[in-house]
Amino acid sequence: MTIFEIKLAGHIKKGQMTPDCFATVHRVPGSDTITVKFTTADGTGDREHQVKADNFCDVFSMAEYLQYHLDGCHGTNSMVHEYYRILEYFMD
């Protein structure tokens, strides 16, 4: 199985209908990098990051970043590892 793209939605705050932040993780076949695009509901915090697909430290750092921005808090190691497992689909 090959996964080219995954879309993630952040935590939905009480009283809201949609999350504040979304993330799209993708890797073009043959590319050395994984691209992570963050989109905010109001459009003011949109940004894009690229991480080396063969660099554990780079990918784990992105997992920490994803966890913090999508969950809205500093998480435990197990919370970060949930995001790391998603990013593993895109590693070499």
PDB file of N, CA and C in Angstrom:
ATOM      1  N   MET A   1       0.842  -1.172   0.000  1.00  0.00           N
ATOM      2  CA  MET A   1       0.000   0.000   0.000  1.00  0.00           C
ATOM      3  C   MET A   1       0.883   1.229   0.000  1.00  0.00           C
ATOM      4  N   THR A   2       0.500   2.212  -0.787  1.00  0.00           N
ATOM      5  CA  THR A   2       1.212   3.480  -0.830  1.00  0.00           C
ATOM      6  C   THR A   2       0.235   4.593  -0.486  1.00  0.00           C
ATOM      7  N   ILE A   3       0.617   5.425   0.464  1.00  0.00           N
ATOM      8  CA  ILE A   3      -0.201   6.584   0.836  1.00  0.00           C
ATOM      9  C   ILE A   3       0.524   7.824   0.354  1.00  0.00           C
ATOM     10  N   PHE A   4      -0.173   8.666  -0.396  1.00  0.00           N
ATOM     11  CA  PHE A   4       0.427   9.887  -0.933  1.00  0.00           C
ATOM     12  C   PHE A   4       0.042  11.127  -0.136  1.00  0.00           C
ATOM     13  N   GLU A   5      -1.132  11.085   0.531  1.00  0.00           N
ATOM     14  CA  GLU A   5      -1.592  12.282   1.240  1.00  0.00           C
ATOM     15  C   GLU A   5      -2.543  11.890   2.359  1.00  0.00           C
ATOM     16  N   ILE A   6      -2.422  12.594   3.481  1.00  0.00           N
ATOM     17  CA  ILE A   6      -3.329  12.433   4.612  1.00  0.00           C
ATOM     18  C   ILE A   6      -3.726  13.830   5.076  1.00  0.00           C
ATOM     19  N   LYS A   7      -5.011  14.009   5.362  1.00  0.00           N
ATOM     20  CA  LYS A   7      -5.500  15.285   5.894  1.00  0.00           C
ATOM     21  C   LYS A   7      -5.906  15.067   7.342  1.00  0.00           C
ATOM     22  N   LEU A   8      -5.474  15.984   8.203  1.00  0.00           N
ATOM     23  CA  LEU A   8      -5.740  15.904   9.633  1.00  0.00           C
ATOM     24  C   LEU A   8      -6.475  17.156  10.095  1.00  0.00           C
ATOM     25  N   ALA A   9      -7.395  16.977  11.023  1.00  0.00           N
ATOM     26  CA  ALA A   9      -8.110  18.110  11.609  1.00  0.00           C
ATOM     27  C   ALA A   9      -7.716  18.227  13.067  1.00  0.00           C
ATOM     28  N   GLY A  10      -7.560  19.447  13.524  1.00  0.00           N
ATOM     29  CA  GLY A  10      -7.177  19.686  14.906  1.00  0.00           C
ATOM     30  C   GLY A  10      -8.342  19.551  15.862  1.00  0.00           C
ATOM     31  N   HIS A  11      -8.051  19.801  17.111  1.00  0.00           N
ATOM     32  CA  HIS A  11      -9.021  19.733  18.194  1.00  0.00           C
ATOM     33  C   HIS A  11     -10.128  20.770  17.966  1.00  0.00           C
ATOM     34  N   ILE A  12     -11.354  20.369  18.233  1.00  0.00           N
ATOM     35  CA  ILE A  12     -12.493  21.301  18.130  1.00  0.00           C
ATOM     36  C   ILE A  12     -12.795  21.813  19.532  1.00  0.00           C
ATOM     37  N   LYS A  13     -12.685  23.114  19.715  1.00  0.00           N
ATOM     38  CA  LYS A  13     -12.935  23.715  21.022  1.00  0.00           C
ATOM     39  C   LYS A  13     -14.432  23.718  21.330  1.00  0.00           C
ATOM     40  N   LYS A  14     -14.723  23.694  22.595  1.00  0.00           N
ATOM     41  CA  LYS A  14     -16.109  23.690  23.050  1.00  0.00           C
ATOM     42  C   LYS A  14     -16.835  24.921  22.498  1.00  0.00           C
ATOM     43  N   GLY A  15     -17.991  24.696  21.917  1.00  0.00           N
ATOM     44  CA  GLY A  15     -18.787  25.794  21.377  1.00  0.00           C
ATOM     45  C   GLY A  15     -18.496  26.102  19.920  1.00  0.00           C
ATOM     46  N   GLN A  16     -17.470  25.477  19.341  1.00  0.00           N
ATOM     47  CA  GLN A  16     -17.141  25.705  17.934  1.00  0.00           C
ATOM     48  C   GLN A  16     -17.659  24.545  17.094  1.00  0.00           C
ATOM     49  N   MET A  17     -17.824  24.806  15.820  1.00  0.00           N
ATOM     50  CA  MET A  17     -18.292  23.778  14.897  1.00  0.00           C
ATOM     51  C   MET A  17     -17.147  23.135  14.117  1.00  0.00           C
ATOM     52  N   THR A  18     -16.041  23.860  13.971  1.00  0.00           N
ATOM     53  CA  THR A  18     -14.903  23.350  13.201  1.00  0.00           C
ATOM     54  C   THR A  18     -13.606  23.569  13.978  1.00  0.00           C
ATOM     55  N   PRO A  19     -12.584  22.804  13.639  1.00  0.00           N
ATOM     56  CA  PRO A  19     -11.277  23.000  14.282  1.00  0.00           C
ATOM     57  C   PRO A  19     -10.643  24.328  13.866  1.00  0.00           C
ATOM     58  N   ASP A  20      -9.720  24.796  14.687  1.00  0.00           N
ATOM     59  CA  ASP A  20      -8.975  26.017  14.351  1.00  0.00           C
ATOM     60  C   ASP A  20      -7.904  25.745  13.314  1.00  0.00           C
ATOM     61  N   CYS A  21      -7.405  24.514  13.256  1.00  0.00           N
ATOM     62  CA  CYS A  21      -6.262  24.206  12.406  1.00  0.00           C
ATOM     63  C   CYS A  21      -6.442  22.859  11.711  1.00  0.00           C
ATOM     64  N   PHE A  22      -5.973  22.797  10.471  1.00  0.00           N
ATOM     65  CA  PHE A  22      -5.955  21.568   9.683  1.00  0.00           C
ATOM     66  C   PHE A  22      -4.532  21.375   9.173  1.00  0.00           C
ATOM     67  N   ALA A  23      -4.171  20.124   8.883  1.00  0.00           N
ATOM     68  CA  ALA A  23      -2.854  19.838   8.314  1.00  0.00           C
ATOM     69  C   ALA A  23      -3.015  18.820   7.186  1.00  0.00           C
ATOM     70  N   THR A  24      -2.262  19.042   6.119  1.00  0.00           N
ATOM     71  CA  THR A  24      -2.202  18.100   5.012  1.00  0.00           C
ATOM     72  C   THR A  24      -0.763  17.623   4.913  1.00  0.00           C
ATOM     73  N   VAL A  25      -0.581  16.306   4.981  1.00  0.00           N
ATOM     74  CA  VAL A  25       0.744  15.701   4.901  1.00  0.00           C
ATOM     75  C   VAL A  25       0.811  14.947   3.585  1.00  0.00           C
ATOM     76  N   HIS A  26       1.830  15.271   2.761  1.00  0.00           N
ATOM     77  CA  HIS A  26       1.962  14.517   1.515  1.00  0.00           C
ATOM     78  C   HIS A  26       3.425  14.438   1.071  1.00  0.00           C
ATOM     79  N   ARG A  27       3.649  13.459   0.224  1.00  0.00           N
ATOM     80  CA  ARG A  27       4.977  13.283  -0.366  1.00  0.00           C
ATOM     81  C   ARG A  27       4.802  12.848  -1.812  1.00  0.00           C
ATOM     82  N   VAL A  28       5.384  13.603  -2.693  1.00  0.00           N
ATOM     83  CA  VAL A  28       5.364  13.273  -4.106  1.00  0.00           C
ATOM     84  C   VAL A  28       6.277  12.072  -4.322  1.00  0.00           C
ATOM     85  N   PRO A  29       5.832  11.050  -5.038  1.00  0.00           N
ATOM     86  CA  PRO A  29       6.687   9.885  -5.280  1.00  0.00           C
ATOM     87  C   PRO A  29       8.047  10.306  -5.857  1.00  0.00           C
ATOM     88  N   GLY A  30       9.116   9.789  -5.269  1.00  0.00           N
ATOM     89  CA  GLY A  30      10.466  10.110  -5.717  1.00  0.00           C
ATOM     90  C   GLY A  30      11.076  11.321  -5.034  1.00  0.00           C
ATOM     91  N   SER A  31      10.273  12.071  -4.294  1.00  0.00           N
ATOM     92  CA  SER A  31      10.769  13.259  -3.600  1.00  0.00           C
ATOM     93  C   SER A  31      11.529  12.857  -2.343  1.00  0.00           C
ATOM     94  N   ASP A  32      12.513  13.664  -1.958  1.00  0.00           N
ATOM     95  CA  ASP A  32      13.280  13.423  -0.740  1.00  0.00           C
ATOM     96  C   ASP A  32      12.617  14.017   0.498  1.00  0.00           C
ATOM     97  N   THR A  33      11.561  14.799   0.300  1.00  0.00           N
ATOM     98  CA  THR A  33      10.953  15.508   1.417  1.00  0.00           C
ATOM     99  C   THR A  33       9.470  15.180   1.583  1.00  0.00           C
ATOM    100  N   ILE A  34       9.032  15.318   2.822  1.00  0.00           N
ATOM    101  CA  ILE A  34       7.624  15.229   3.181  1.00  0.00           C
ATOM    102  C   ILE A  34       7.155  16.665   3.367  1.00  0.00           C
ATOM    103  N   THR A  35       6.043  17.024   2.757  1.00  0.00           N
ATOM    104  CA  THR A  35       5.500  18.372   2.880  1.00  0.00           C
ATOM    105  C   THR A  35       4.312  18.354   3.827  1.00  0.00           C
ATOM    106  N   VAL A  36       4.320  19.278   4.771  1.00  0.00           N
ATOM    107  CA  VAL A  36       3.204  19.424   5.715  1.00  0.00           C
ATOM    108  C   VAL A  36       2.684  20.843   5.580  1.00  0.00           C
ATOM    109  N   LYS A  37       1.416  20.967   5.200  1.00  0.00           N
ATOM    110  CA  LYS A  37       0.773  22.274   5.041  1.00  0.00           C
ATOM    111  C   LYS A  37      -0.232  22.465   6.163  1.00  0.00           C
ATOM    112  N   PHE A  38      -0.106  23.576   6.877  1.00  0.00           N
ATOM    113  CA  PHE A  38      -1.047  23.932   7.927  1.00  0.00           C
ATOM    114  C   PHE A  38      -1.984  25.001   7.391  1.00  0.00           C
ATOM    115  N   THR A  39      -3.253  24.819   7.677  1.00  0.00           N
ATOM    116  CA  THR A  39      -4.268  25.781   7.268  1.00  0.00           C
ATOM    117  C   THR A  39      -5.094  26.115   8.501  1.00  0.00           C
ATOM    118  N   THR A  40      -5.308  27.393   8.743  1.00  0.00           N
ATOM    119  CA  THR A  40      -6.148  27.797   9.863  1.00  0.00           C
ATOM    120  C   THR A  40      -7.517  28.204   9.342  1.00  0.00           C
ATOM    121  N   ALA A  41      -8.505  28.115  10.210  1.00  0.00           N
ATOM    122  CA  ALA A  41      -9.879  28.418   9.818  1.00  0.00           C
ATOM    123  C   ALA A  41     -10.022  29.851   9.306  1.00  0.00           C
ATOM    124  N   ASP A  42      -9.263  30.775   9.888  1.00  0.00           N
ATOM    125  CA  ASP A  42      -9.375  32.170   9.460  1.00  0.00           C
ATOM    126  C   ASP A  42      -8.365  32.551   8.377  1.00  0.00           C
ATOM    127  N   GLY A  43      -7.485  31.620   8.008  1.00  0.00           N
ATOM    128  CA  GLY A  43      -6.523  31.859   6.928  1.00  0.00           C
ATOM    129  C   GLY A  43      -5.308  32.668   7.302  1.00  0.00           C
ATOM    130  N   THR A  44      -5.200  33.093   8.554  1.00  0.00           N
ATOM    131  CA  THR A  44      -4.075  33.955   8.937  1.00  0.00           C
ATOM    132  C   THR A  44      -2.817  33.172   9.306  1.00  0.00           C
ATOM    133  N   GLY A  45      -2.958  31.882   9.612  1.00  0.00           N
ATOM    134  CA  GLY A  45      -1.800  31.110  10.063  1.00  0.00           C
ATOM    135  C   GLY A  45      -1.363  30.039   9.088  1.00  0.00           C
ATOM    136  N   ASP A  46      -1.724  30.192   7.819  1.00  0.00           N
ATOM    137  CA  ASP A  46      -1.349  29.186   6.824  1.00  0.00           C
ATOM    138  C   ASP A  46       0.165  29.171   6.635  1.00  0.00           C
ATOM    139  N   ARG A  47       0.732  27.962   6.607  1.00  0.00           N
ATOM    140  CA  ARG A  47       2.179  27.819   6.411  1.00  0.00           C
ATOM    141  C   ARG A  47       2.492  26.426   5.881  1.00  0.00           C
ATOM    142  N   GLU A  48       3.691  26.285   5.359  1.00  0.00           N
ATOM    143  CA  GLU A  48       4.109  25.009   4.785  1.00  0.00           C
ATOM    144  C   GLU A  48       5.503  24.674   5.287  1.00  0.00           C
ATOM    145  N   HIS A  49       5.707  23.409   5.629  1.00  0.00           N
ATOM    146  CA  HIS A  49       6.997  22.927   6.105  1.00  0.00           C
ATOM    147  C   HIS A  49       7.405  21.720   5.272  1.00  0.00           C
ATOM    148  N   GLN A  50       8.710  21.557   5.103  1.00  0.00           N
ATOM    149  CA  GLN A  50       9.232  20.367   4.432  1.00  0.00           C
ATOM    150  C   GLN A  50      10.258  19.721   5.346  1.00  0.00           C
ATOM    151  N   VAL A  51      10.167  18.386   5.461  1.00  0.00           N
ATOM    152  CA  VAL A  51      11.105  17.646   6.292  1.00  0.00           C
ATOM    153  C   VAL A  51      11.740  16.546   5.459  1.00  0.00           C
ATOM    154  N   LYS A  52      12.983  16.229   5.755  1.00  0.00           N
ATOM    155  CA  LYS A  52      13.696  15.161   5.050  1.00  0.00           C
ATOM    156  C   LYS A  52      13.067  13.819   5.423  1.00  0.00           C
ATOM    157  N   ALA A  53      12.647  13.069   4.432  1.00  0.00           N
ATOM    158  CA  ALA A  53      11.948  11.803   4.654  1.00  0.00           C
ATOM    159  C   ALA A  53      12.842  10.731   5.268  1.00  0.00           C
ATOM    160  N   ASP A  54      14.157  10.879   5.131  1.00  0.00           N
ATOM    161  CA  ASP A  54      15.066   9.864   5.663  1.00  0.00           C
ATOM    162  C   ASP A  54      15.761  10.297   6.955  1.00  0.00           C
ATOM    163  N   ASN A  55      15.271  11.362   7.581  1.00  0.00           N
ATOM    164  CA  ASN A  55      15.903  11.894   8.783  1.00  0.00           C
ATOM    165  C   ASN A  55      14.951  11.739   9.975  1.00  0.00           C
ATOM    166  N   PHE A  56      15.235  10.771  10.851  1.00  0.00           N
ATOM    167  CA  PHE A  56      14.371  10.500  11.997  1.00  0.00           C
ATOM    168  C   PHE A  56      14.144  11.752  12.835  1.00  0.00           C
ATOM    169  N   CYS A  57      15.197  12.481  13.139  1.00  0.00           N
ATOM    170  CA  CYS A  57      15.086  13.661  14.005  1.00  0.00           C
ATOM    171  C   CYS A  57      14.182  14.719  13.385  1.00  0.00           C
ATOM    172  N   ASP A  58      14.317  14.940  12.093  1.00  0.00           N
ATOM    173  CA  ASP A  58      13.500  15.916  11.371  1.00  0.00           C
ATOM    174  C   ASP A  58      12.029  15.503  11.406  1.00  0.00           C
ATOM    175  N   VAL A  59      11.767  14.226  11.156  1.00  0.00           N
ATOM    176  CA  VAL A  59      10.390  13.731  11.130  1.00  0.00           C
ATOM    177  C   VAL A  59       9.790  13.742  12.536  1.00  0.00           C
ATOM    178  N   PHE A  60      10.558  13.362  13.536  1.00  0.00           N
ATOM    179  CA  PHE A  60      10.038  13.375  14.907  1.00  0.00           C
ATOM    180  C   PHE A  60       9.742  14.798  15.360  1.00  0.00           C
ATOM    181  N   SER A  61      10.585  15.736  14.978  1.00  0.00           N
ATOM    182  CA  SER A  61      10.346  17.142  15.303  1.00  0.00           C
ATOM    183  C   SER A  61       9.040  17.626  14.670  1.00  0.00           C
ATOM    184  N   MET A  62       8.770  17.201  13.442  1.00  0.00           N
ATOM    185  CA  MET A  62       7.520  17.575  12.790  1.00  0.00           C
ATOM    186  C   MET A  62       6.337  16.939  13.512  1.00  0.00           C
ATOM    187  N   ALA A  63       6.503  15.720  14.015  1.00  0.00           N
ATOM    188  CA  ALA A  63       5.434  15.076  14.785  1.00  0.00           C
ATOM    189  C   ALA A  63       5.110  15.888  16.036  1.00  0.00           C
ATOM    190  N   GLU A  64       6.143  16.402  16.707  1.00  0.00           N
ATOM    191  CA  GLU A  64       5.929  17.258  17.879  1.00  0.00           C
ATOM    192  C   GLU A  64       5.185  18.536  17.486  1.00  0.00           C
ATOM    193  N   TYR A  65       5.573  19.107  16.364  1.00  0.00           N
ATOM    194  CA  TYR A  65       4.946  20.337  15.865  1.00  0.00           C
ATOM    195  C   TYR A  65       3.471  20.083  15.512  1.00  0.00           C
ATOM    196  N   LEU A  66       3.214  18.985  14.818  1.00  0.00           N
ATOM    197  CA  LEU A  66       1.838  18.617  14.466  1.00  0.00           C
ATOM    198  C   LEU A  66       0.994  18.437  15.724  1.00  0.00           C
ATOM    199  N   GLN A  67       1.526  17.694  16.675  1.00  0.00           N
ATOM    200  CA  GLN A  67       0.775  17.430  17.905  1.00  0.00           C
ATOM    201  C   GLN A  67       0.438  18.729  18.620  1.00  0.00           C
ATOM    202  N   TYR A  68       1.400  19.600  18.759  1.00  0.00           N
ATOM    203  CA  TYR A  68       1.179  20.858  19.481  1.00  0.00           C
ATOM    204  C   TYR A  68       0.121  21.718  18.780  1.00  0.00           C
ATOM    205  N   HIS A  69       0.230  21.871  17.476  1.00  0.00           N
ATOM    206  CA  HIS A  69      -0.680  22.767  16.770  1.00  0.00           C
ATOM    207  C   HIS A  69      -2.071  22.169  16.546  1.00  0.00           C
ATOM    208  N   LEU A  70      -2.156  20.866  16.357  1.00  0.00           N
ATOM    209  CA  LEU A  70      -3.472  20.277  16.136  1.00  0.00           C
ATOM    210  C   LEU A  70      -4.209  19.990  17.443  1.00  0.00           C
ATOM    211  N   ASP A  71      -3.492  19.584  18.480  1.00  0.00           N
ATOM    212  CA  ASP A  71      -4.130  19.306  19.764  1.00  0.00           C
ATOM    213  C   ASP A  71      -4.256  20.558  20.630  1.00  0.00           C
ATOM    214  N   GLY A  72      -3.448  21.561  20.352  1.00  0.00           N
ATOM    215  CA  GLY A  72      -3.541  22.821  21.086  1.00  0.00           C
ATOM    216  C   GLY A  72      -2.870  22.817  22.447  1.00  0.00           C
ATOM    217  N   CYS A  73      -1.976  21.846  22.680  1.00  0.00           N
ATOM    218  CA  CYS A  73      -1.262  21.792  23.955  1.00  0.00           C
ATOM    219  C   CYS A  73       0.020  20.977  23.759  1.00  0.00           C
ATOM    220  N   HIS A  74       0.948  21.126  24.721  1.00  0.00           N
ATOM    221  CA  HIS A  74       2.137  20.269  24.702  1.00  0.00           C
ATOM    222  C   HIS A  74       1.695  18.895  25.166  1.00  0.00           C
ATOM    223  N   GLY A  75       1.946  17.891  24.345  1.00  0.00           N
ATOM    224  CA  GLY A  75       1.469  16.553  24.652  1.00  0.00           C
ATOM    225  C   GLY A  75       2.514  15.655  25.259  1.00  0.00           C
ATOM    226  N   THR A  76       2.072  14.502  25.662  1.00  0.00           N
ATOM    227  CA  THR A  76       2.962  13.480  26.197  1.00  0.00           C
ATOM    228  C   THR A  76       3.658  12.779  25.030  1.00  0.00           C
ATOM    229  N   ASN A  77       4.651  11.961  25.361  1.00  0.00           N
ATOM    230  CA  ASN A  77       5.342  11.208  24.317  1.00  0.00           C
ATOM    231  C   ASN A  77       4.383  10.339  23.516  1.00  0.00           C
ATOM    232  N   SER A  78       3.415   9.721  24.185  1.00  0.00           N
ATOM    233  CA  SER A  78       2.479   8.859  23.459  1.00  0.00           C
ATOM    234  C   SER A  78       1.629   9.669  22.480  1.00  0.00           C
ATOM    235  N   MET A  79       1.300  10.903  22.832  1.00  0.00           N
ATOM    236  CA  MET A  79       0.532  11.755  21.915  1.00  0.00           C
ATOM    237  C   MET A  79       1.370  12.111  20.690  1.00  0.00           C
ATOM    238  N   VAL A  80       2.628  12.433  20.906  1.00  0.00           N
ATOM    239  CA  VAL A  80       3.534  12.769  19.802  1.00  0.00           C
ATOM    240  C   VAL A  80       3.737  11.547  18.910  1.00  0.00           C
ATOM    241  N   HIS A  81       3.864  10.381  19.506  1.00  0.00           N
ATOM    242  CA  HIS A  81       4.093   9.159  18.726  1.00  0.00           C
ATOM    243  C   HIS A  81       2.912   8.821  17.827  1.00  0.00           C
ATOM    244  N   GLU A  82       1.707   9.232  18.206  1.00  0.00           N
ATOM    245  CA  GLU A  82       0.559   9.023  17.322  1.00  0.00           C
ATOM    246  C   GLU A  82       0.777   9.770  15.998  1.00  0.00           C
ATOM    247  N   TYR A  83       1.289  10.982  16.079  1.00  0.00           N
ATOM    248  CA  TYR A  83       1.567  11.760  14.871  1.00  0.00           C
ATOM    249  C   TYR A  83       2.787  11.211  14.137  1.00  0.00           C
ATOM    250  N   TYR A  84       3.773  10.735  14.892  1.00  0.00           N
ATOM    251  CA  TYR A  84       4.952  10.151  14.257  1.00  0.00           C
ATOM    252  C   TYR A  84       4.560   8.929  13.421  1.00  0.00           C
ATOM    253  N   ARG A  85       3.657   8.102  13.945  1.00  0.00           N
ATOM    254  CA  ARG A  85       3.219   6.915  13.201  1.00  0.00           C
ATOM    255  C   ARG A  85       2.552   7.301  11.880  1.00  0.00           C
ATOM    256  N   ILE A  86       1.868   8.416  11.857  1.00  0.00           N
ATOM    257  CA  ILE A  86       1.269   8.904  10.610  1.00  0.00           C
ATOM    258  C   ILE A  86       2.374   9.297   9.634  1.00  0.00           C
ATOM    259  N   LEU A  87       3.367  10.031  10.129  1.00  0.00           N
ATOM    260  CA  LEU A  87       4.460  10.475   9.268  1.00  0.00           C
ATOM    261  C   LEU A  87       5.311   9.318   8.771  1.00  0.00           C
ATOM    262  N   GLU A  88       5.354   8.220   9.518  1.00  0.00           N
ATOM    263  CA  GLU A  88       6.131   7.049   9.093  1.00  0.00           C
ATOM    264  C   GLU A  88       5.681   6.505   7.745  1.00  0.00           C
ATOM    265  N   TYR A  89       4.405   6.677   7.413  1.00  0.00           N
ATOM    266  CA  TYR A  89       3.909   6.216   6.111  1.00  0.00           C
ATOM    267  C   TYR A  89       4.662   6.875   4.950  1.00  0.00           C
ATOM    268  N   PHE A  90       5.218   8.057   5.219  1.00  0.00           N
ATOM    269  CA  PHE A  90       5.849   8.839   4.161  1.00  0.00           C
ATOM    270  C   PHE A  90       7.368   8.756   4.177  1.00  0.00           C
ATOM    271  N   MET A  91       7.929   8.012   5.131  1.00  0.00           N
ATOM    272  CA  MET A  91       9.385   7.910   5.233  1.00  0.00           C
ATOM    273  C   MET A  91       9.930   6.881   4.272  1.00  0.00           C
ATOM    274  N   ASP A  92      11.245   6.961   4.038  1.00  0.00           N
ATOM    275  CA  ASP A  92      11.917   5.994   3.173  1.00  0.00           C
ATOM    276  C   ASP A  92      11.943   4.623   3.794  1.00  0.00           C
TER     277      ASP A  92
END
